Amino acid sequence: MKHILVIDDAATVRLFHRDILEAGGYAVSEALNGIEALEKSLQTDFDLYLVDVNMPKLDGYGFLHELRAREQPQAPAIMVSTEAGDRDRALAYAAGANHYLIKPVRPEALLAAVGLLLGESHAP
């Protein structure tokens, strides 16, 4: 079973994403911010990261910069944000994101993106 780390400071958003991903057959862990996510990524190999942009302590951009700079296996990352501008999207890709979704995400769009990045397919 593929293991996904959901990183978001809002409990309701983490629960929403967890419910979608678990219904799609994935194992899910959670982190409240980029610092906690980096610590967890040292303890466990994740297959994918679902990353919020705006978080305290270390935001999503900082998390991805730090993660991508490490000498460890690299998993794909989906940046999820309320920021819908082209600049925000460009910053996410520059930080190391593989995909960018706007909140609130539609469950089918999230599962399609996850499946694509993990080399799987999810029929709607």
PDB file of N, CA and C in Angstrom:
ATOM      1  N   MET A   1       0.848  -1.182   0.000  1.00  0.00           N
ATOM      2  CA  MET A   1       0.000   0.000   0.000  1.00  0.00           C
ATOM      3  C   MET A   1       0.893   1.245   0.000  1.00  0.00           C
ATOM      4  N   LYS A   2       0.583   2.179  -0.893  1.00  0.00           N
ATOM      5  CA  LYS A   2       1.352   3.424  -0.986  1.00  0.00           C
ATOM      6  C   LYS A   2       1.058   4.310   0.223  1.00  0.00           C
ATOM      7  N   HIS A   3       2.120   4.983   0.706  1.00  0.00           N
ATOM      8  CA  HIS A   3       2.035   5.786   1.927  1.00  0.00           C
ATOM      9  C   HIS A   3       2.227   7.257   1.566  1.00  0.00           C
ATOM     10  N   ILE A   4       1.256   8.094   1.950  1.00  0.00           N
ATOM     11  CA  ILE A   4       1.261   9.517   1.616  1.00  0.00           C
ATOM     12  C   ILE A   4       1.327  10.348   2.895  1.00  0.00           C
ATOM     13  N   LEU A   5       2.172  11.379   2.882  1.00  0.00           N
ATOM     14  CA  LEU A   5       2.249  12.316   4.002  1.00  0.00           C
ATOM     15  C   LEU A   5       1.484  13.580   3.630  1.00  0.00           C
ATOM     16  N   VAL A   6       0.430  13.877   4.406  1.00  0.00           N
ATOM     17  CA  VAL A   6      -0.370  15.086   4.215  1.00  0.00           C
ATOM     18  C   VAL A   6       0.162  16.142   5.180  1.00  0.00           C
ATOM     19  N   ILE A   7       0.609  17.284   4.633  1.00  0.00           N
ATOM     20  CA  ILE A   7       1.227  18.340   5.428  1.00  0.00           C
ATOM     21  C   ILE A   7       0.364  19.593   5.326  1.00  0.00           C
ATOM     22  N   ASP A   8      -0.306  19.930   6.425  1.00  0.00           N
ATOM     23  CA  ASP A   8      -1.178  21.104   6.453  1.00  0.00           C
ATOM     24  C   ASP A   8      -1.405  21.488   7.904  1.00  0.00           C
ATOM     25  N   ASP A   9      -1.409  22.784   8.193  1.00  0.00           N
ATOM     26  CA  ASP A   9      -1.598  23.222   9.577  1.00  0.00           C
ATOM     27  C   ASP A   9      -3.061  23.216  10.001  1.00  0.00           C
ATOM     28  N   ALA A  10      -3.990  23.063   9.068  1.00  0.00           N
ATOM     29  CA  ALA A  10      -5.421  23.048   9.392  1.00  0.00           C
ATOM     30  C   ALA A  10      -5.916  21.608   9.549  1.00  0.00           C
ATOM     31  N   ALA A  11      -6.402  21.280  10.737  1.00  0.00           N
ATOM     32  CA  ALA A  11      -6.871  19.920  11.026  1.00  0.00           C
ATOM     33  C   ALA A  11      -8.008  19.507  10.095  1.00  0.00           C
ATOM     34  N   THR A  12      -8.912  20.428   9.792  1.00  0.00           N
ATOM     35  CA  THR A  12     -10.043  20.074   8.927  1.00  0.00           C
ATOM     36  C   THR A  12      -9.576  19.711   7.518  1.00  0.00           C
ATOM     37  N   VAL A  13      -8.573  20.404   7.027  1.00  0.00           N
ATOM     38  CA  VAL A  13      -8.039  20.122   5.688  1.00  0.00           C
ATOM     39  C   VAL A  13      -7.325  18.776   5.689  1.00  0.00           C
ATOM     40  N   ARG A  14      -6.520  18.521   6.739  1.00  0.00           N
ATOM     41  CA  ARG A  14      -5.844  17.216   6.832  1.00  0.00           C
ATOM     42  C   ARG A  14      -6.861  16.085   6.838  1.00  0.00           C
ATOM     43  N   LEU A  15      -7.927  16.237   7.605  1.00  0.00           N
ATOM     44  CA  LEU A  15      -8.955  15.199   7.689  1.00  0.00           C
ATOM     45  C   LEU A  15      -9.642  15.007   6.334  1.00  0.00           C
ATOM     46  N   PHE A  16      -9.965  16.107   5.654  1.00  0.00           N
ATOM     47  CA  PHE A  16     -10.586  16.043   4.334  1.00  0.00           C
ATOM     48  C   PHE A  16      -9.708  15.269   3.357  1.00  0.00           C
ATOM     49  N   HIS A  17      -8.424  15.615   3.303  1.00  0.00           N
ATOM     50  CA  HIS A  17      -7.496  14.939   2.392  1.00  0.00           C
ATOM     51  C   HIS A  17      -7.284  13.483   2.812  1.00  0.00           C
ATOM     52  N   ARG A  18      -7.183  13.237   4.113  1.00  0.00           N
ATOM     53  CA  ARG A  18      -7.022  11.861   4.612  1.00  0.00           C
ATOM     54  C   ARG A  18      -8.192  10.990   4.167  1.00  0.00           C
ATOM     55  N   ASP A  19      -9.413  11.490   4.346  1.00  0.00           N
ATOM     56  CA  ASP A  19     -10.609  10.725   3.977  1.00  0.00           C
ATOM     57  C   ASP A  19     -10.600  10.365   2.489  1.00  0.00           C
ATOM     58  N   ILE A  20     -10.249  11.324   1.643  1.00  0.00           N
ATOM     59  CA  ILE A  20     -10.204  11.083   0.197  1.00  0.00           C
ATOM     60  C   ILE A  20      -9.152  10.029  -0.127  1.00  0.00           C
ATOM     61  N   LEU A  21      -7.955  10.203   0.421  1.00  0.00           N
ATOM     62  CA  LEU A  21      -6.845   9.304   0.101  1.00  0.00           C
ATOM     63  C   LEU A  21      -7.071   7.900   0.650  1.00  0.00           C
ATOM     64  N   GLU A  22      -7.578   7.793   1.872  1.00  0.00           N
ATOM     65  CA  GLU A  22      -7.841   6.474   2.429  1.00  0.00           C
ATOM     66  C   GLU A  22      -8.943   5.761   1.648  1.00  0.00           C
ATOM     67  N   ALA A  23      -9.952   6.504   1.200  1.00  0.00           N
ATOM     68  CA  ALA A  23     -11.002   5.912   0.371  1.00  0.00           C
ATOM     69  C   ALA A  23     -10.426   5.427  -0.962  1.00  0.00           C
ATOM     70  N   GLY A  24      -9.338   6.056  -1.401  1.00  0.00           N
ATOM     71  CA  GLY A  24      -8.662   5.652  -2.630  1.00  0.00           C
ATOM     72  C   GLY A  24      -7.685   4.498  -2.430  1.00  0.00           C
ATOM     73  N   GLY A  25      -7.571   4.025  -1.191  1.00  0.00           N
ATOM     74  CA  GLY A  25      -6.727   2.867  -0.917  1.00  0.00           C
ATOM     75  C   GLY A  25      -5.307   3.180  -0.478  1.00  0.00           C
ATOM     76  N   TYR A  26      -5.072   4.397  -0.011  1.00  0.00           N
ATOM     77  CA  TYR A  26      -3.728   4.786   0.420  1.00  0.00           C
ATOM     78  C   TYR A  26      -3.614   4.832   1.935  1.00  0.00           C
ATOM     79  N   ALA A  27      -2.409   4.571   2.433  1.00  0.00           N
ATOM     80  CA  ALA A  27      -2.100   4.793   3.844  1.00  0.00           C
ATOM     81  C   ALA A  27      -1.714   6.264   3.981  1.00  0.00           C
ATOM     82  N   VAL A  28      -2.139   6.903   5.066  1.00  0.00           N
ATOM     83  CA  VAL A  28      -1.914   8.339   5.228  1.00  0.00           C
ATOM     84  C   VAL A  28      -1.310   8.637   6.596  1.00  0.00           C
ATOM     85  N   SER A  29      -0.285   9.475   6.593  1.00  0.00           N
ATOM     86  CA  SER A  29       0.261  10.066   7.814  1.00  0.00           C
ATOM     87  C   SER A  29       0.091  11.571   7.686  1.00  0.00           C
ATOM     88  N   GLU A  30       0.205  12.278   8.807  1.00  0.00           N
ATOM     89  CA  GLU A  30      -0.013  13.723   8.802  1.00  0.00           C
ATOM     90  C   GLU A  30       1.130  14.460   9.478  1.00  0.00           C
ATOM     91  N   ALA A  31       1.337  15.700   9.044  1.00  0.00           N
ATOM     92  CA  ALA A  31       2.279  16.615   9.679  1.00  0.00           C
ATOM     93  C   ALA A  31       1.637  17.997   9.702  1.00  0.00           C
ATOM     94  N   LEU A  32       1.920  18.757  10.783  1.00  0.00           N
ATOM     95  CA  LEU A  32       1.305  20.075  10.966  1.00  0.00           C
ATOM     96  C   LEU A  32       2.037  21.197  10.239  1.00  0.00           C
ATOM     97  N   ASN A  33       3.308  20.975   9.906  1.00  0.00           N
ATOM     98  CA  ASN A  33       4.106  22.005   9.243  1.00  0.00           C
ATOM     99  C   ASN A  33       5.322  21.363   8.592  1.00  0.00           C
ATOM    100  N   GLY A  34       6.116  22.183   7.901  1.00  0.00           N
ATOM    101  CA  GLY A  34       7.273  21.668   7.186  1.00  0.00           C
ATOM    102  C   GLY A  34       8.335  21.051   8.072  1.00  0.00           C
ATOM    103  N   ILE A  35       8.537  21.594   9.264  1.00  0.00           N
ATOM    104  CA  ILE A  35       9.535  21.049  10.191  1.00  0.00           C
ATOM    105  C   ILE A  35       9.150  19.623  10.596  1.00  0.00           C
ATOM    106  N   GLU A  36       7.896  19.455  11.023  1.00  0.00           N
ATOM    107  CA  GLU A  36       7.431  18.126  11.415  1.00  0.00           C
ATOM    108  C   GLU A  36       7.494  17.160  10.224  1.00  0.00           C
ATOM    109  N   ALA A  37       7.162  17.640   9.033  1.00  0.00           N
ATOM    110  CA  ALA A  37       7.203  16.805   7.837  1.00  0.00           C
ATOM    111  C   ALA A  37       8.626  16.354   7.518  1.00  0.00           C
ATOM    112  N   LEU A  38       9.597  17.250   7.663  1.00  0.00           N
ATOM    113  CA  LEU A  38      10.993  16.866   7.423  1.00  0.00           C
ATOM    114  C   LEU A  38      11.436  15.802   8.416  1.00  0.00           C
ATOM    115  N   GLU A  39      11.055  15.962   9.682  1.00  0.00           N
ATOM    116  CA  GLU A  39      11.397  14.961  10.696  1.00  0.00           C
ATOM    117  C   GLU A  39      10.794  13.610  10.337  1.00  0.00           C
ATOM    118  N   LYS A  40       9.530  13.598   9.939  1.00  0.00           N
ATOM    119  CA  LYS A  40       8.862  12.332   9.588  1.00  0.00           C
ATOM    120  C   LYS A  40       9.487  11.710   8.343  1.00  0.00           C
ATOM    121  N   SER A  41       9.939  12.557   7.403  1.00  0.00           N
ATOM    122  CA  SER A  41      10.527  12.020   6.171  1.00  0.00           C
ATOM    123  C   SER A  41      11.875  11.350   6.425  1.00  0.00           C
ATOM    124  N   LEU A  42      12.512  11.670   7.544  1.00  0.00           N
ATOM    125  CA  LEU A  42      13.758  10.998   7.920  1.00  0.00           C
ATOM    126  C   LEU A  42      13.491   9.640   8.557  1.00  0.00           C
ATOM    127  N   GLN A  43      12.306   9.472   9.138  1.00  0.00           N
ATOM    128  CA  GLN A  43      11.957   8.238   9.837  1.00  0.00           C
ATOM    129  C   GLN A  43      11.270   7.222   8.937  1.00  0.00           C
ATOM    130  N   THR A  44      10.577   7.699   7.908  1.00  0.00           N
ATOM    131  CA  THR A  44       9.767   6.844   7.052  1.00  0.00           C
ATOM    132  C   THR A  44       9.933   7.262   5.600  1.00  0.00           C
ATOM    133  N   ASP A  45       9.948   6.290   4.705  1.00  0.00           N
ATOM    134  CA  ASP A  45       9.938   6.599   3.275  1.00  0.00           C
ATOM    135  C   ASP A  45       8.488   6.742   2.827  1.00  0.00           C
ATOM    136  N   PHE A  46       8.144   7.905   2.316  1.00  0.00           N
ATOM    137  CA  PHE A  46       6.802   8.141   1.805  1.00  0.00           C
ATOM    138  C   PHE A  46       6.815   8.008   0.290  1.00  0.00           C
ATOM    139  N   ASP A  47       5.680   7.624  -0.262  1.00  0.00           N
ATOM    140  CA  ASP A  47       5.560   7.480  -1.707  1.00  0.00           C
ATOM    141  C   ASP A  47       5.150   8.783  -2.370  1.00  0.00           C
ATOM    142  N   LEU A  48       4.543   9.693  -1.571  1.00  0.00           N
ATOM    143  CA  LEU A  48       4.089  10.971  -2.109  1.00  0.00           C
ATOM    144  C   LEU A  48       3.862  11.933  -0.952  1.00  0.00           C
ATOM    145  N   TYR A  49       4.056  13.227  -1.233  1.00  0.00           N
ATOM    146  CA  TYR A  49       3.794  14.280  -0.254  1.00  0.00           C
ATOM    147  C   TYR A  49       2.683  15.174  -0.792  1.00  0.00           C
ATOM    148  N   LEU A  50       1.712  15.485   0.062  1.00  0.00           N
ATOM    149  CA  LEU A  50       0.654  16.441  -0.260  1.00  0.00           C
ATOM    150  C   LEU A  50       0.901  17.645   0.639  1.00  0.00           C
ATOM    151  N   VAL A  51       1.328  18.765   0.037  1.00  0.00           N
ATOM    152  CA  VAL A  51       1.911  19.867   0.785  1.00  0.00           C
ATOM    153  C   VAL A  51       1.113  21.163   0.662  1.00  0.00           C
ATOM    154  N   ASP A  52       0.714  21.719   1.805  1.00  0.00           N
ATOM    155  CA  ASP A  52       0.092  23.046   1.847  1.00  0.00           C
ATOM    156  C   ASP A  52       1.193  24.096   1.673  1.00  0.00           C
ATOM    157  N   VAL A  53       0.850  25.272   1.166  1.00  0.00           N
ATOM    158  CA  VAL A  53       1.834  26.341   1.011  1.00  0.00           C
ATOM    159  C   VAL A  53       2.015  27.110   2.315  1.00  0.00           C
ATOM    160  N   ASN A  54       0.934  27.686   2.831  1.00  0.00           N
ATOM    161  CA  ASN A  54       1.017  28.589   3.978  1.00  0.00           C
ATOM    162  C   ASN A  54       0.898  27.833   5.297  1.00  0.00           C
ATOM    163  N   MET A  55       2.044  27.696   5.987  1.00  0.00           N
ATOM    164  CA  MET A  55       2.088  27.022   7.289  1.00  0.00           C
ATOM    165  C   MET A  55       3.083  27.745   8.179  1.00  0.00           C
ATOM    166  N   PRO A  56       2.884  27.660   9.503  1.00  0.00           N
ATOM    167  CA  PRO A  56       3.857  28.258  10.426  1.00  0.00           C
ATOM    168  C   PRO A  56       5.151  27.440  10.472  1.00  0.00           C
ATOM    169  N   LYS A  57       6.186  28.033  11.003  1.00  0.00           N
ATOM    170  CA  LYS A  57       7.506  27.432  11.215  1.00  0.00           C
ATOM    171  C   LYS A  57       8.268  27.201   9.919  1.00  0.00           C
ATOM    172  N   LEU A  58       7.713  26.408   9.002  1.00  0.00           N
ATOM    173  CA  LEU A  58       8.345  26.196   7.699  1.00  0.00           C
ATOM    174  C   LEU A  58       7.224  25.969   6.693  1.00  0.00           C
ATOM    175  N   ASP A  59       7.121  26.864   5.706  1.00  0.00           N
ATOM    176  CA  ASP A  59       6.026  26.745   4.739  1.00  0.00           C
ATOM    177  C   ASP A  59       6.306  25.643   3.722  1.00  0.00           C
ATOM    178  N   GLY A  60       5.335  25.441   2.827  1.00  0.00           N
ATOM    179  CA  GLY A  60       5.450  24.368   1.846  1.00  0.00           C
ATOM    180  C   GLY A  60       6.628  24.528   0.910  1.00  0.00           C
ATOM    181  N   TYR A  61       6.916  25.768   0.494  1.00  0.00           N
ATOM    182  CA  TYR A  61       8.070  26.004  -0.376  1.00  0.00           C
ATOM    183  C   TYR A  61       9.365  25.617   0.331  1.00  0.00           C
ATOM    184  N   GLY A  62       9.503  26.062   1.589  1.00  0.00           N
ATOM    185  CA  GLY A  62      10.701  25.744   2.367  1.00  0.00           C
ATOM    186  C   GLY A  62      10.853  24.252   2.587  1.00  0.00           C
ATOM    187  N   PHE A  63       9.734  23.583   2.875  1.00  0.00           N
ATOM    188  CA  PHE A  63       9.766  22.129   3.060  1.00  0.00           C
ATOM    189  C   PHE A  63      10.300  21.439   1.805  1.00  0.00           C
ATOM    190  N   LEU A  64       9.750  21.804   0.649  1.00  0.00           N
ATOM    191  CA  LEU A  64      10.193  21.143  -0.582  1.00  0.00           C
ATOM    192  C   LEU A  64      11.646  21.452  -0.912  1.00  0.00           C
ATOM    193  N   HIS A  65      12.087  22.706  -0.696  1.00  0.00           N
ATOM    194  CA  HIS A  65      13.499  23.045  -0.917  1.00  0.00           C
ATOM    195  C   HIS A  65      14.397  22.153  -0.055  1.00  0.00           C
ATOM    196  N   GLU A  66      14.054  22.036   1.223  1.00  0.00           N
ATOM    197  CA  GLU A  66      14.857  21.219   2.148  1.00  0.00           C
ATOM    198  C   GLU A  66      14.816  19.740   1.761  1.00  0.00           C
ATOM    199  N   LEU A  67      13.641  19.242   1.453  1.00  0.00           N
ATOM    200  CA  LEU A  67      13.489  17.837   1.082  1.00  0.00           C
ATOM    201  C   LEU A  67      14.285  17.508  -0.167  1.00  0.00           C
ATOM    202  N   ARG A  68      14.171  18.342  -1.180  1.00  0.00           N
ATOM    203  CA  ARG A  68      14.847  18.081  -2.457  1.00  0.00           C
ATOM    204  C   ARG A  68      16.366  18.202  -2.347  1.00  0.00           C
ATOM    205  N   ALA A  69      16.854  18.916  -1.341  1.00  0.00           N
ATOM    206  CA  ALA A  69      18.299  19.078  -1.153  1.00  0.00           C
ATOM    207  C   ALA A  69      18.923  17.877  -0.436  1.00  0.00           C
ATOM    208  N   ARG A  70      18.113  17.007   0.101  1.00  0.00           N
ATOM    209  CA  ARG A  70      18.610  15.870   0.880  1.00  0.00           C
ATOM    210  C   ARG A  70      19.076  14.723  -0.005  1.00  0.00           C
ATOM    211  N   GLU A  71      20.048  13.991   0.536  1.00  0.00           N
ATOM    212  CA  GLU A  71      20.529  12.776  -0.113  1.00  0.00           C
ATOM    213  C   GLU A  71      19.669  11.617   0.380  1.00  0.00           C
ATOM    214  N   GLN A  72      18.451  11.523  -0.145  1.00  0.00           N
ATOM    215  CA  GLN A  72      17.550  10.435   0.222  1.00  0.00           C
ATOM    216  C   GLN A  72      16.624  10.195  -0.954  1.00  0.00           C
ATOM    217  N   PRO A  73      15.979   9.033  -1.003  1.00  0.00           N
ATOM    218  CA  PRO A  73      15.051   8.788  -2.110  1.00  0.00           C
ATOM    219  C   PRO A  73      13.988   9.884  -2.181  1.00  0.00           C
ATOM    220  N   GLN A  74      13.721  10.348  -3.382  1.00  0.00           N
ATOM    221  CA  GLN A  74      12.791  11.461  -3.573  1.00  0.00           C
ATOM    222  C   GLN A  74      11.442  10.954  -4.079  1.00  0.00           C
ATOM    223  N   ALA A  75      10.397  11.348  -3.395  1.00  0.00           N
ATOM    224  CA  ALA A  75       9.033  11.003  -3.789  1.00  0.00           C
ATOM    225  C   ALA A  75       8.383  12.231  -4.424  1.00  0.00           C
ATOM    226  N   PRO A  76       7.391  12.024  -5.286  1.00  0.00           N
ATOM    227  CA  PRO A  76       6.702  13.171  -5.863  1.00  0.00           C
ATOM    228  C   PRO A  76       5.936  13.970  -4.810  1.00  0.00           C
ATOM    229  N   ALA A  77       5.686  15.228  -5.131  1.00  0.00           N
ATOM    230  CA  ALA A  77       4.972  16.111  -4.208  1.00  0.00           C
ATOM    231  C   ALA A  77       3.911  16.894  -4.968  1.00  0.00           C
ATOM    232  N   ILE A  78       2.739  16.985  -4.347  1.00  0.00           N
ATOM    233  CA  ILE A  78       1.650  17.811  -4.874  1.00  0.00           C
ATOM    234  C   ILE A  78       1.485  18.989  -3.926  1.00  0.00           C
ATOM    235  N   MET A  79       1.613  20.195  -4.451  1.00  0.00           N
ATOM    236  CA  MET A  79       1.397  21.405  -3.668  1.00  0.00           C
ATOM    237  C   MET A  79      -0.084  21.740  -3.748  1.00  0.00           C
ATOM    238  N   VAL A  80      -0.703  21.983  -2.598  1.00  0.00           N
ATOM    239  CA  VAL A  80      -2.117  22.318  -2.534  1.00  0.00           C
ATOM    240  C   VAL A  80      -2.236  23.672  -1.854  1.00  0.00           C
ATOM    241  N   SER A  81      -2.905  24.617  -2.524  1.00  0.00           N
ATOM    242  CA  SER A  81      -2.950  25.969  -1.984  1.00  0.00           C
ATOM    243  C   SER A  81      -4.218  26.695  -2.387  1.00  0.00           C
ATOM    244  N   THR A  82      -4.568  27.690  -1.595  1.00  0.00           N
ATOM    245  CA  THR A  82      -5.653  28.599  -1.971  1.00  0.00           C
ATOM    246  C   THR A  82      -5.141  29.638  -2.961  1.00  0.00           C
ATOM    247  N   GLU A  83      -3.828  29.737  -3.107  1.00  0.00           N
ATOM    248  CA  GLU A  83      -3.209  30.705  -4.016  1.00  0.00           C
ATOM    249  C   GLU A  83      -3.327  30.194  -5.445  1.00  0.00           C
ATOM    250  N   ALA A  84      -4.053  30.928  -6.291  1.00  0.00           N
ATOM    251  CA  ALA A  84      -4.340  30.443  -7.636  1.00  0.00           C
ATOM    252  C   ALA A  84      -3.553  31.157  -8.736  1.00  0.00           C
ATOM    253  N   GLY A  85      -2.644  32.037  -8.358  1.00  0.00           N
ATOM    254  CA  GLY A  85      -1.912  32.811  -9.360  1.00  0.00           C
ATOM    255  C   GLY A  85      -0.811  32.036 -10.051  1.00  0.00           C
ATOM    256  N   ASP A  86      -0.433  32.509 -11.248  1.00  0.00           N
ATOM    257  CA  ASP A  86       0.641  31.871 -12.005  1.00  0.00           C
ATOM    258  C   ASP A  86       1.958  31.921 -11.238  1.00  0.00           C
ATOM    259  N   ARG A  87       2.193  33.028 -10.515  1.00  0.00           N
ATOM    260  CA  ARG A  87       3.431  33.172  -9.739  1.00  0.00           C
ATOM    261  C   ARG A  87       3.504  32.099  -8.643  1.00  0.00           C
ATOM    262  N   ASP A  88       2.380  31.839  -7.972  1.00  0.00           N
ATOM    263  CA  ASP A  88       2.349  30.832  -6.921  1.00  0.00           C
ATOM    264  C   ASP A  88       2.653  29.448  -7.492  1.00  0.00           C
ATOM    265  N   ARG A  89       2.072  29.162  -8.627  1.00  0.00           N
ATOM    266  CA  ARG A  89       2.300  27.877  -9.298  1.00  0.00           C
ATOM    267  C   ARG A  89       3.781  27.745  -9.691  1.00  0.00           C
ATOM    268  N   ALA A  90       4.341  28.819 -10.243  1.00  0.00           N
ATOM    269  CA  ALA A  90       5.748  28.807 -10.655  1.00  0.00           C
ATOM    270  C   ALA A  90       6.669  28.601  -9.444  1.00  0.00           C
ATOM    271  N   LEU A  91       6.363  29.260  -8.330  1.00  0.00           N
ATOM    272  CA  LEU A  91       7.160  29.087  -7.112  1.00  0.00           C
ATOM    273  C   LEU A  91       7.102  27.644  -6.611  1.00  0.00           C
ATOM    274  N   ALA A  92       5.925  27.040  -6.707  1.00  0.00           N
ATOM    275  CA  ALA A  92       5.763  25.653  -6.262  1.00  0.00           C
ATOM    276  C   ALA A  92       6.631  24.718  -7.099  1.00  0.00           C
ATOM    277  N   TYR A  93       6.592  24.879  -8.406  1.00  0.00           N
ATOM    278  CA  TYR A  93       7.406  24.017  -9.273  1.00  0.00           C
ATOM    279  C   TYR A  93       8.898  24.273  -9.063  1.00  0.00           C
ATOM    280  N   ALA A  94       9.271  25.535  -8.857  1.00  0.00           N
ATOM    281  CA  ALA A  94      10.671  25.865  -8.606  1.00  0.00           C
ATOM    282  C   ALA A  94      11.167  25.240  -7.300  1.00  0.00           C
ATOM    283  N   ALA A  95      10.257  25.111  -6.329  1.00  0.00           N
ATOM    284  CA  ALA A  95      10.630  24.519  -5.035  1.00  0.00           C
ATOM    285  C   ALA A  95      10.749  23.000  -5.109  1.00  0.00           C
ATOM    286  N   GLY A  96      10.187  22.406  -6.155  1.00  0.00           N
ATOM    287  CA  GLY A  96      10.294  20.960  -6.304  1.00  0.00           C
ATOM    288  C   GLY A  96       8.976  20.214  -6.369  1.00  0.00           C
ATOM    289  N   ALA A  97       7.863  20.946  -6.512  1.00  0.00           N
ATOM    290  CA  ALA A  97       6.563  20.281  -6.639  1.00  0.00           C
ATOM    291  C   ALA A  97       6.442  19.625  -8.013  1.00  0.00           C
ATOM    292  N   ASN A  98       5.709  18.521  -8.064  1.00  0.00           N
ATOM    293  CA  ASN A  98       5.454  17.828  -9.317  1.00  0.00           C
ATOM    294  C   ASN A  98       4.074  18.159  -9.885  1.00  0.00           C
ATOM    295  N   HIS A  99       3.197  18.696  -9.027  1.00  0.00           N
ATOM    296  CA  HIS A  99       1.837  19.039  -9.445  1.00  0.00           C
ATOM    297  C   HIS A  99       1.313  20.120  -8.506  1.00  0.00           C
ATOM    298  N   TYR A 100       0.307  20.861  -8.962  1.00  0.00           N
ATOM    299  CA  TYR A 100      -0.236  21.968  -8.171  1.00  0.00           C
ATOM    300  C   TYR A 100      -1.754  21.920  -8.250  1.00  0.00           C
ATOM    301  N   LEU A 101      -2.420  21.886  -7.094  1.00  0.00           N
ATOM    302  CA  LEU A 101      -3.878  21.881  -7.034  1.00  0.00           C
ATOM    303  C   LEU A 101      -4.357  23.060  -6.193  1.00  0.00           C
ATOM    304  N   ILE A 102      -5.512  23.605  -6.573  1.00  0.00           N
ATOM    305  CA  ILE A 102      -6.111  24.727  -5.852  1.00  0.00           C
ATOM    306  C   ILE A 102      -7.137  24.196  -4.849  1.00  0.00           C
ATOM    307  N   LYS A 103      -7.073  24.724  -3.614  1.00  0.00           N
ATOM    308  CA  LYS A 103      -8.063  24.372  -2.585  1.00  0.00           C
ATOM    309  C   LYS A 103      -9.358  25.126  -2.850  1.00  0.00           C
ATOM    310  N   PRO A 104     -10.501  24.547  -2.529  1.00  0.00           N
ATOM    311  CA  PRO A 104     -10.636  23.165  -2.075  1.00  0.00           C
ATOM    312  C   PRO A 104     -10.515  22.206  -3.258  1.00  0.00           C
ATOM    313  N   VAL A 105      -9.792  21.127  -3.058  1.00  0.00           N
ATOM    314  CA  VAL A 105      -9.589  20.167  -4.142  1.00  0.00           C
ATOM    315  C   VAL A 105     -10.832  19.300  -4.301  1.00  0.00           C
ATOM    316  N   ARG A 106     -11.107  18.952  -5.530  1.00  0.00           N
ATOM    317  CA  ARG A 106     -12.166  17.986  -5.792  1.00  0.00           C
ATOM    318  C   ARG A 106     -11.581  16.596  -5.570  1.00  0.00           C
ATOM    319  N   PRO A 107     -12.288  15.728  -4.864  1.00  0.00           N
ATOM    320  CA  PRO A 107     -11.741  14.395  -4.580  1.00  0.00           C
ATOM    321  C   PRO A 107     -11.244  13.656  -5.818  1.00  0.00           C
ATOM    322  N   GLU A 108     -12.002  13.723  -6.906  1.00  0.00           N
ATOM    323  CA  GLU A 108     -11.581  12.994  -8.115  1.00  0.00           C
ATOM    324  C   GLU A 108     -10.315  13.599  -8.712  1.00  0.00           C
ATOM    325  N   ALA A 109     -10.143  14.918  -8.603  1.00  0.00           N
ATOM    326  CA  ALA A 109      -8.932  15.561  -9.121  1.00  0.00           C
ATOM    327  C   ALA A 109      -7.716  15.174  -8.274  1.00  0.00           C
ATOM    328  N   LEU A 110      -7.893  15.097  -6.964  1.00  0.00           N
ATOM    329  CA  LEU A 110      -6.798  14.702  -6.085  1.00  0.00           C
ATOM    330  C   LEU A 110      -6.385  13.266  -6.374  1.00  0.00           C
ATOM    331  N   LEU A 111      -7.347  12.364  -6.437  1.00  0.00           N
ATOM    332  CA  LEU A 111      -7.021  10.957  -6.691  1.00  0.00           C
ATOM    333  C   LEU A 111      -6.411  10.756  -8.075  1.00  0.00           C
ATOM    334  N   ALA A 112      -6.860  11.520  -9.063  1.00  0.00           N
ATOM    335  CA  ALA A 112      -6.285  11.421 -10.409  1.00  0.00           C
ATOM    336  C   ALA A 112      -4.824  11.870 -10.399  1.00  0.00           C
ATOM    337  N   ALA A 113      -4.524  12.986  -9.721  1.00  0.00           N
ATOM    338  CA  ALA A 113      -3.148  13.491  -9.650  1.00  0.00           C
ATOM    339  C   ALA A 113      -2.247  12.517  -8.897  1.00  0.00           C
ATOM    340  N   VAL A 114      -2.736  12.007  -7.779  1.00  0.00           N
ATOM    341  CA  VAL A 114      -1.956  11.040  -6.989  1.00  0.00           C
ATOM    342  C   VAL A 114      -1.689   9.792  -7.823  1.00  0.00           C
ATOM    343  N   GLY A 115      -2.729   9.263  -8.452  1.00  0.00           N
ATOM    344  CA  GLY A 115      -2.569   8.070  -9.281  1.00  0.00           C
ATOM    345  C   GLY A 115      -1.585   8.272 -10.410  1.00  0.00           C
ATOM    346  N   LEU A 116      -1.641   9.432 -11.047  1.00  0.00           N
ATOM    347  CA  LEU A 116      -0.723   9.742 -12.139  1.00  0.00           C
ATOM    348  C   LEU A 116       0.724   9.759 -11.647  1.00  0.00           C
ATOM    349  N   LEU A 117       0.967  10.454 -10.540  1.00  0.00           N
ATOM    350  CA  LEU A 117       2.332  10.574 -10.020  1.00  0.00           C
ATOM    351  C   LEU A 117       2.864   9.259  -9.458  1.00  0.00           C
ATOM    352  N   LEU A 118       1.969   8.375  -9.042  1.00  0.00           N
ATOM    353  CA  LEU A 118       2.393   7.080  -8.504  1.00  0.00           C
ATOM    354  C   LEU A 118       2.341   5.970  -9.566  1.00  0.00           C
ATOM    355  N   GLY A 119       2.016   6.361 -10.805  1.00  0.00           N
ATOM    356  CA  GLY A 119       1.975   5.385 -11.880  1.00  0.00           C
ATOM    357  C   GLY A 119       0.795   4.431 -11.788  1.00  0.00           C
ATOM    358  N   GLU A 120      -0.283   4.903 -11.194  1.00  0.00           N
ATOM    359  CA  GLU A 120      -1.492   4.103 -11.049  1.00  0.00           C
ATOM    360  C   GLU A 120      -2.614   4.785 -11.814  1.00  0.00           C
ATOM    361  N   SER A 121      -3.725   4.110 -11.915  1.00  0.00           N
ATOM    362  CA  SER A 121      -4.903   4.755 -12.511  1.00  0.00           C
ATOM    363  C   SER A 121      -6.092   4.511 -11.612  1.00  0.00           C
ATOM    364  N   HIS A 122      -6.890   5.557 -11.427  1.00  0.00           N
ATOM    365  CA  HIS A 122      -8.101   5.460 -10.613  1.00  0.00           C
ATOM    366  C   HIS A 122      -9.283   5.789 -11.504  1.00  0.00           C
ATOM    367  N   ALA A 123     -10.136   4.811 -11.702  1.00  0.00           N
ATOM    368  CA  ALA A 123     -11.339   5.069 -12.485  1.00  0.00           C
ATOM    369  C   ALA A 123     -12.305   5.888 -11.625  1.00  0.00           C
ATOM    370  N   PRO A 124     -12.967   6.873 -12.238  1.00  0.00           N
ATOM    371  CA  PRO A 124     -13.890   7.695 -11.457  1.00  0.00           C
ATOM    372  C   PRO A 124     -15.088   6.899 -10.963  1.00  0.00           C
TER     373      PRO A 124
END
